[in-house]
Protein backbone atom coordinates (compact mmCIF):
# COMPACT_ATOMS: atom_id res chain seq x y z
CA UNK A 1 25.04 7.42 -1.42
CA UNK A 2 26.77 7.72 1.96
CA UNK A 3 25.51 5.02 4.34
CA UNK A 4 26.87 4.66 7.85
CA UNK A 5 24.33 2.59 9.78
CA UNK A 6 20.86 1.01 9.74
CA UNK A 7 18.44 0.80 12.65
CA UNK A 8 15.36 -1.42 12.90
CA UNK A 9 12.54 -0.64 15.31
CA UNK A 10 9.57 -2.77 16.23
CA UNK A 11 6.73 -0.40 17.01
CA UNK A 12 3.07 -0.78 17.90
CA UNK A 13 0.51 1.96 17.26
CA UNK A 14 -2.99 1.85 18.81
CA UNK A 15 -5.88 2.03 16.36
CA UNK A 16 -8.91 4.26 16.91
CA UNK A 17 -11.17 1.33 16.02
CA UNK A 18 -10.54 -2.33 15.09
CA UNK A 19 -9.77 -2.91 11.40
CA UNK A 20 -11.58 -6.09 10.37
CA UNK A 21 -11.53 -8.22 7.22
CA UNK A 22 -12.83 -11.76 6.75
CA UNK A 23 -9.23 -12.92 7.38
CA UNK A 24 -8.19 -11.06 10.53
CA UNK A 25 -8.85 -8.29 13.05
CA UNK A 26 -6.35 -5.62 14.09
CA UNK A 27 -6.78 -3.67 17.33
CA UNK A 28 -3.32 -2.16 17.13
CA UNK A 29 -0.86 -1.86 14.26
CA UNK A 30 2.59 -3.36 14.78
CA UNK A 31 5.18 -2.25 12.20
CA UNK A 32 8.91 -2.26 11.57
CA UNK A 33 10.45 1.16 11.02
CA UNK A 34 13.73 1.19 9.09
CA UNK A 35 16.20 4.05 9.58
CA UNK A 36 19.23 4.45 7.30
CA UNK A 37 21.72 7.04 8.57
CA UNK A 38 24.60 8.69 6.70
CA UNK A 39 27.88 10.09 8.05
CA UNK A 40 26.36 13.58 8.38
CA UNK A 41 23.56 12.34 10.66
CA UNK A 42 20.84 12.51 8.00
CA UNK A 43 18.21 9.76 8.38
CA UNK A 44 16.07 8.11 5.73
CA UNK A 45 12.90 6.37 6.94
CA UNK A 46 11.10 3.33 5.57
CA UNK A 47 8.41 1.02 6.90
CA UNK A 48 7.76 -2.71 6.74
CA UNK A 49 3.98 -3.15 6.55
CA UNK A 50 3.72 -6.92 6.97
CA UNK A 51 1.28 -8.20 9.57
CA UNK A 52 1.97 -10.30 12.69
CA UNK A 53 0.46 -13.42 11.10
CA UNK A 54 0.63 -14.60 7.46
CA UNK A 55 -3.03 -14.01 6.57
CA UNK A 56 -2.33 -11.52 3.75
CA UNK A 57 0.86 -13.00 2.30
CA UNK A 58 3.37 -15.51 3.66
CA UNK A 59 5.45 -12.69 5.15
CA UNK A 60 5.13 -11.63 8.77
CA UNK A 61 6.87 -8.98 10.82
CA UNK A 62 8.96 -11.76 12.33
CA UNK A 63 10.17 -13.12 9.00
CA UNK A 64 10.82 -9.58 7.73
CA UNK A 65 13.02 -8.74 10.73
CA UNK A 66 14.99 -11.95 10.22
CA UNK A 67 15.56 -11.32 6.51
CA UNK A 68 16.58 -7.72 7.12
CA UNK A 69 18.94 -8.55 9.98
CA UNK A 70 20.64 -11.57 8.44
CA UNK A 71 20.57 -10.86 4.71
CA UNK A 72 19.46 -7.47 3.38
CA UNK A 73 21.20 -5.12 5.83
CA UNK A 74 24.56 -6.98 5.80
CA UNK A 75 24.50 -6.88 1.98
CA UNK A 76 23.76 -3.14 1.95
CA UNK A 77 26.49 -2.30 4.47
CA UNK A 78 29.00 -4.45 2.59
CA UNK A 79 28.19 -3.30 -0.96
CA UNK A 80 26.79 0.19 -0.45
CA UNK A 81 24.53 1.81 -3.05
CA UNK A 82 24.95 4.71 -5.45
CA UNK A 83 21.20 4.95 -5.99
CA UNK A 84 18.19 3.44 -4.13
CA UNK A 85 17.36 1.23 -7.11
CA UNK A 86 20.76 -0.47 -6.74
CA UNK A 87 19.54 -2.30 -3.65
CA UNK A 88 16.73 -3.91 -5.67
CA UNK A 89 19.35 -5.54 -7.89
CA UNK A 90 21.54 -6.48 -4.91
CA UNK A 91 18.61 -8.20 -3.21
CA UNK A 92 17.81 -10.28 -6.27
CA UNK A 93 19.63 -13.20 -4.68
CA UNK A 94 17.13 -13.27 -1.82
CA UNK A 95 14.03 -15.06 -3.06
CA UNK A 96 10.71 -13.47 -2.09
CA UNK A 97 10.25 -11.34 1.06
CA UNK A 98 9.13 -8.22 -0.85
CA UNK A 99 7.88 -6.38 2.24
CA UNK A 100 11.25 -6.62 3.96
CA UNK A 101 12.94 -5.43 0.77
CA UNK A 102 10.45 -2.59 0.32
CA UNK A 103 11.01 -1.24 3.84
CA UNK A 104 14.77 -1.00 3.40
CA UNK A 105 14.54 0.44 -0.11
CA UNK A 106 12.01 3.07 1.07
CA UNK A 107 14.47 4.33 3.68
CA UNK A 108 17.14 4.63 0.98
CA UNK A 109 14.83 6.60 -1.31
CA UNK A 110 14.06 9.00 1.54
CA UNK A 111 17.75 9.39 2.40
CA UNK A 112 18.71 9.86 -1.26
CA UNK A 113 16.14 12.62 -1.65
CA UNK A 114 17.43 14.38 1.46
CA UNK A 115 21.03 14.06 0.30
CA UNK A 116 20.22 15.47 -3.16
CA UNK A 117 17.65 18.04 -2.02
CA UNK A 118 14.89 16.57 -4.18
CA UNK A 119 11.42 15.44 -3.21
CA UNK A 120 10.52 11.78 -3.52
CA UNK A 121 7.74 12.63 -5.98
CA UNK A 122 10.26 14.46 -8.17
CA UNK A 123 12.70 11.54 -8.03
CA UNK A 124 9.97 9.11 -9.09
CA UNK A 125 8.68 11.26 -11.96
CA UNK A 126 5.48 12.47 -10.33
CA UNK A 127 3.37 15.08 -12.11
CA UNK A 128 0.69 15.96 -9.51
CA UNK A 129 0.85 18.33 -6.58
CA UNK A 130 -2.16 16.62 -4.97
CA UNK A 131 -3.85 13.22 -5.29
CA UNK A 132 -7.38 11.89 -4.81
CA UNK A 133 -8.17 10.03 -1.59
CA UNK A 134 -10.20 6.84 -1.27
CA UNK A 135 -11.68 5.35 1.90
CA UNK A 136 -11.42 1.73 3.03
CA UNK A 137 -14.40 0.46 5.03
CA UNK A 138 -13.60 -2.57 7.16
CA UNK A 139 -16.06 -5.17 8.42
CA UNK A 140 -15.75 -3.65 11.87
CA UNK A 141 -17.20 -0.33 10.73
CA UNK A 142 -20.84 0.72 11.04
CA UNK A 143 -21.84 1.21 7.42
CA UNK A 144 -24.58 3.80 7.86
CA UNK A 145 -22.64 5.89 10.38
CA UNK A 146 -19.21 5.63 8.81
CA UNK A 147 -20.22 6.05 5.17
CA UNK A 148 -22.19 9.18 6.00
CA UNK A 149 -19.17 10.58 7.84
CA UNK A 150 -16.76 9.62 5.03
CA UNK A 151 -19.10 11.23 2.52
CA UNK A 152 -19.03 14.47 4.52
CA UNK A 153 -15.23 14.30 4.39
CA UNK A 154 -15.48 14.08 0.56
CA UNK A 155 -13.62 10.83 -0.07
CA UNK A 156 -13.63 10.17 -3.81
CA UNK A 157 -13.87 6.36 -3.73
CA UNK A 158 -15.29 3.83 -1.25
CA UNK A 159 -13.67 0.40 -0.90
CA UNK A 160 -15.86 -2.04 0.95
CA UNK A 161 -14.46 -5.15 2.63
CA UNK A 162 -17.03 -7.92 2.18
CA UNK A 163 -17.94 -11.40 3.34
CA UNK A 164 -18.95 -13.89 0.66
CA UNK A 165 -22.71 -14.12 0.41
CA UNK A 166 -23.34 -10.81 2.18
CA UNK A 167 -22.01 -8.42 -0.47
CA UNK A 168 -25.36 -7.33 -1.88
CA UNK A 169 -26.70 -6.31 1.52
CA UNK A 170 -23.60 -4.18 2.19
CA UNK A 171 -23.62 -2.59 -1.27
CA UNK A 172 -27.32 -1.77 -1.07
CA UNK A 173 -26.85 -0.19 2.36
CA UNK A 174 -24.30 2.23 0.94
CA UNK A 175 -26.33 2.93 -2.19
CA UNK A 176 -29.35 3.79 -0.06
CA UNK A 177 -27.24 6.51 1.55
CA UNK A 178 -26.15 7.87 -1.83
CA UNK A 179 -26.56 5.90 -5.08
CA UNK A 180 -23.97 8.09 -6.80
CA UNK A 181 -21.06 7.08 -4.54
CA UNK A 182 -18.26 5.26 -6.42
CA UNK A 183 -18.19 1.87 -4.68
CA UNK A 184 -15.82 -1.05 -5.14
CA UNK A 185 -15.60 -4.27 -3.14
CA UNK A 186 -12.44 -5.98 -1.94
CA UNK A 187 -12.78 -9.76 -1.79
CA UNK A 188 -9.25 -10.57 -0.57
CA UNK A 189 -9.34 -13.85 -2.53
CA UNK A 190 -12.24 -15.52 -0.71
CA UNK A 191 -14.09 -16.83 -3.80
CA UNK A 192 -13.53 -19.92 -5.93
CA UNK A 193 -14.56 -21.17 -9.36
CA UNK A 194 -17.98 -22.29 -8.08
CA UNK A 195 -18.76 -18.67 -7.22
CA UNK A 196 -18.51 -17.28 -10.76
CA UNK A 197 -22.27 -17.21 -11.25
CA UNK A 198 -22.71 -15.40 -7.94
CA UNK A 199 -20.02 -12.87 -8.84
CA UNK A 200 -21.66 -12.25 -12.23
CA UNK A 201 -24.83 -11.24 -10.40
CA UNK A 202 -22.93 -8.29 -8.90
CA UNK A 203 -22.69 -6.72 -12.36
CA UNK A 204 -26.07 -5.10 -11.78
CA UNK A 205 -24.73 -2.82 -9.03
CA UNK A 206 -22.49 -0.71 -11.25
CA UNK A 207 -19.40 -1.20 -9.09
CA UNK A 208 -16.23 0.62 -10.12
CA UNK A 209 -14.38 -2.70 -9.72
CA UNK A 210 -14.14 -5.98 -7.82
CA UNK A 211 -10.74 -6.40 -6.25
CA UNK A 212 -9.06 -9.83 -6.06
CA UNK A 213 -12.04 -12.19 -6.07
CA UNK A 214 -9.89 -15.35 -6.32
CA UNK A 215 -6.80 -16.25 -4.26
CA UNK A 216 -3.44 -14.62 -4.85
CA UNK A 217 -1.39 -16.10 -7.68
CA UNK A 218 -4.43 -16.96 -9.79
CA UNK A 219 -4.64 -15.64 -13.33
CA UNK A 220 -6.76 -18.35 -15.01
CA UNK A 221 -10.03 -17.94 -13.08
CA UNK A 222 -9.69 -14.18 -13.03
CA UNK A 223 -9.40 -14.30 -16.82
CA UNK A 224 -12.51 -16.49 -17.05
CA UNK A 225 -14.46 -14.17 -14.76
CA UNK A 226 -13.37 -10.98 -16.50
CA UNK A 227 -14.57 -12.38 -19.83
CA UNK A 228 -18.02 -12.91 -18.32
CA UNK A 229 -18.35 -9.60 -16.44
CA UNK A 230 -18.59 -5.98 -17.49
CA UNK A 231 -17.45 -4.88 -14.02
CA UNK A 232 -13.66 -4.43 -14.11
CA UNK A 233 -11.61 -6.95 -12.16
CA UNK A 234 -8.69 -5.46 -10.22
CA UNK A 235 -5.79 -7.62 -9.05
CA UNK A 236 -4.02 -7.08 -5.74
CA UNK A 237 -2.51 -10.17 -4.06
CA UNK A 238 -1.83 -11.77 -7.46
CA UNK A 239 0.57 -8.96 -8.43
CA UNK A 240 3.83 -9.53 -6.56
CA UNK A 241 6.18 -8.40 -9.34
CA UNK A 242 6.47 -6.86 -12.79
CA UNK A 243 6.34 -10.39 -14.23
CA UNK A 244 2.96 -10.95 -12.55
CA UNK A 245 1.64 -7.67 -13.93
CA UNK A 246 2.72 -8.64 -17.45
CA UNK A 247 1.00 -12.01 -17.14
CA UNK A 248 -2.22 -10.46 -15.82
CA UNK A 249 -2.45 -7.86 -18.57
CA UNK A 250 -1.39 -10.08 -21.46
CA UNK A 251 -3.77 -12.87 -20.39
CA UNK A 252 -6.67 -10.47 -19.88
CA UNK A 253 -7.06 -11.44 -16.22
CA UNK A 254 -7.98 -7.92 -15.14
CA UNK A 255 -8.66 -4.39 -16.34
CA UNK A 256 -7.11 -2.58 -13.35
CA UNK A 257 -4.09 -3.19 -11.12
CA UNK A 258 -3.57 -2.17 -7.49
CA UNK A 259 0.10 -1.33 -6.82
CA UNK A 260 1.24 -1.64 -3.22
CA UNK A 261 4.86 -0.65 -2.69
CA UNK A 262 5.38 -3.24 0.02
CA UNK A 263 3.69 -6.09 -1.84
CA UNK A 264 5.79 -5.70 -5.01
CA UNK A 265 9.12 -5.28 -3.22
CA UNK A 266 9.71 -1.53 -3.27
CA UNK A 267 9.42 1.67 -5.25
CA UNK A 268 11.73 0.49 -8.04
CA UNK A 269 9.39 -2.40 -8.88
CA UNK A 270 6.31 -0.21 -8.36
CA UNK A 271 7.57 2.28 -10.97
CA UNK A 272 8.27 -0.54 -13.43
CA UNK A 273 4.73 -1.89 -13.02
CA UNK A 274 3.29 1.61 -13.40
CA UNK A 275 5.25 2.19 -16.60
CA UNK A 276 4.25 -1.17 -18.10
CA UNK A 277 0.56 -0.68 -17.30
CA UNK A 278 0.68 2.82 -18.74
CA UNK A 279 2.12 1.44 -21.97
CA UNK A 280 -0.81 -1.02 -22.17
CA UNK A 281 -3.51 1.48 -21.23
CA UNK A 282 -4.27 -0.28 -17.92
CA UNK A 283 -5.05 2.18 -15.09
CA UNK A 284 -3.48 1.65 -11.68
CA UNK A 285 -4.11 2.89 -8.16
CA UNK A 286 -2.12 2.92 -4.94
CA UNK A 287 -3.14 0.40 -2.30
CA UNK A 288 -2.73 0.83 1.44
CA UNK A 289 -1.82 -1.43 4.35
CA UNK A 290 -3.14 0.43 7.43
CA UNK A 291 0.25 2.11 7.69
CA UNK A 292 1.79 5.08 9.45
CA UNK A 293 2.53 8.46 7.89
CA UNK A 294 5.98 7.24 6.85
CA UNK A 295 4.48 4.79 4.36
CA UNK A 296 1.68 7.22 3.53
CA UNK A 297 4.25 9.83 2.45
CA UNK A 298 5.87 7.29 0.11
CA UNK A 299 2.43 6.30 -1.22
CA UNK A 300 1.55 9.92 -1.96
CA UNK A 301 4.75 10.35 -3.97
CA UNK A 302 4.04 7.18 -5.96
CA UNK A 303 0.40 8.17 -6.57
CA UNK A 304 1.59 11.41 -8.17
CA UNK A 305 2.78 9.44 -11.24
CA UNK A 306 0.64 9.92 -14.38
CA UNK A 307 -1.05 6.51 -14.66
CA UNK A 308 -2.44 6.57 -11.11
CA UNK A 309 -5.81 7.74 -12.39
CA UNK A 310 -8.01 6.03 -9.77
CA UNK A 311 -8.25 7.28 -6.16
CA UNK A 312 -6.11 5.06 -3.96
CA UNK A 313 -6.20 3.89 -0.35
CA UNK A 314 -4.96 7.33 0.69
CA UNK A 315 -6.15 9.09 3.80
CA UNK A 316 -5.07 11.54 6.46
CA UNK A 317 -3.06 10.70 9.55
CA UNK A 318 -6.12 10.50 11.80
CA UNK A 319 -8.10 8.01 9.68
CA UNK A 320 -6.83 5.04 11.71
CA UNK A 321 -4.56 6.42 14.44
CA UNK A 322 -4.96 8.77 17.39
CA UNK A 323 -1.50 10.09 16.62
CA UNK A 324 0.83 9.57 13.66
CA UNK A 325 4.60 9.19 13.42
CA UNK A 326 4.98 12.23 11.16
CA UNK A 327 4.44 15.93 11.63
CA UNK A 328 2.79 17.98 10.51
CA UNK A 329 0.08 15.35 10.15
CA UNK A 330 -1.13 14.36 6.70
CA UNK A 331 -4.46 16.11 6.10
CA UNK A 332 -7.14 15.43 3.50
CA UNK A 333 -9.08 18.45 2.26
CA UNK A 334 -12.12 18.11 -0.01
CA UNK A 335 -11.14 14.59 -1.05
CA UNK A 336 -7.53 15.37 -1.95
CA UNK A 337 -4.16 15.25 -0.19
CA UNK A 338 -1.15 17.38 -1.06
CA UNK A 339 1.92 15.53 -2.26
CA UNK A 340 4.86 16.45 0.01
CA UNK A 341 7.24 18.76 -1.85
CA UNK A 342 10.16 18.94 0.59
CA UNK A 343 13.31 16.85 0.20
CA UNK A 344 12.94 13.10 0.58
CA UNK A 345 9.54 11.88 1.67
CA UNK A 346 8.81 15.50 2.61
CA UNK A 347 7.67 14.81 6.18
CA UNK A 348 9.40 15.12 9.54
CA UNK A 349 9.30 12.14 11.91
CA UNK A 350 8.10 12.78 15.45
CA UNK A 351 11.11 11.15 17.11
CA UNK A 352 9.70 11.56 20.62
CA UNK A 353 6.51 9.68 19.72
CA UNK A 354 8.50 7.14 17.70
CA UNK A 355 10.54 6.37 20.83
CA UNK A 356 7.30 6.12 22.83
CA UNK A 357 5.79 3.42 20.58
CA UNK A 358 9.06 1.53 20.03
CA UNK A 359 9.09 -1.91 21.64
CA UNK A 360 12.63 -2.91 20.69
CA UNK A 361 15.34 -1.70 18.35
CA UNK A 362 18.69 -2.85 16.96
CA UNK A 363 21.40 -0.88 15.16
CA UNK A 364 23.71 -2.25 12.47
CA UNK A 365 26.86 -0.45 11.34
């Protein structure tokens, strides 16, 4: 690959409505956009989807910028890369910080696709021209109003953020609207061992899964719970690497795995986890991080791989934002979204709007 320079941008995008979990509330979405430029002026785009505070993982946008500026970018400019996956090996000496690594690697995958004239989905081994979309319903949403609207838009899966002790009320509210809707709940690790009996009582609701009931890093209590429940347990925050995925599957800690590109350190690791889970018959789905169309385009390419058999956190450009960073905007039709087929991530970046939402930038060459 020909790499001439790297630019980092801190951006902030206003949200149409606050996104609320039991951990935090977002009224706007700050992100880091990574641009890798070659000597012909071609630009590959990636996105760091960490949050301003360490409520989801230990990473923040501040730590990610520091790691990129002082470690990952200098290594890339010094060593170069023949293929995007090379940077994953180069960054092995930097412990942790998967979201920083994922943002840089994503930009390289986009640039590599543009340089070779191949779509990102094709480079990854995707087999689908469109993927199923799933909605995420935050605690700040009005259940009756929003679920009815999302149902009209034909989302194929409904992920409900919950507060411990109030799950049944929320689930029943949705089931009163339509008992056939495929509902899952996302616990974001708020339960503990004393809550196992309470969690078992949720079996009666026929949920498609319960995502990450116990804190990230736990495999023991998830294993205990999965043995006592027929509802599939899905792991999210506990899966930070291929090694974690192997532990979870071999120990029987879950029946489903959520793969987030940024959480596992990039597309190279995401593909490895997908391939391992496929070999063990464990279905996976693509998680989201309230991200811009740049990350969404990468997610769509990943979700086109064969073992992504469950609708992911995939939605159109206007689900969270008034305006997106890509054009044309990503559009969901009848519960599905087309996988971009043009070179690289397959989307054009609206550079004028990107400049408008940029707070600060720095170029490295």
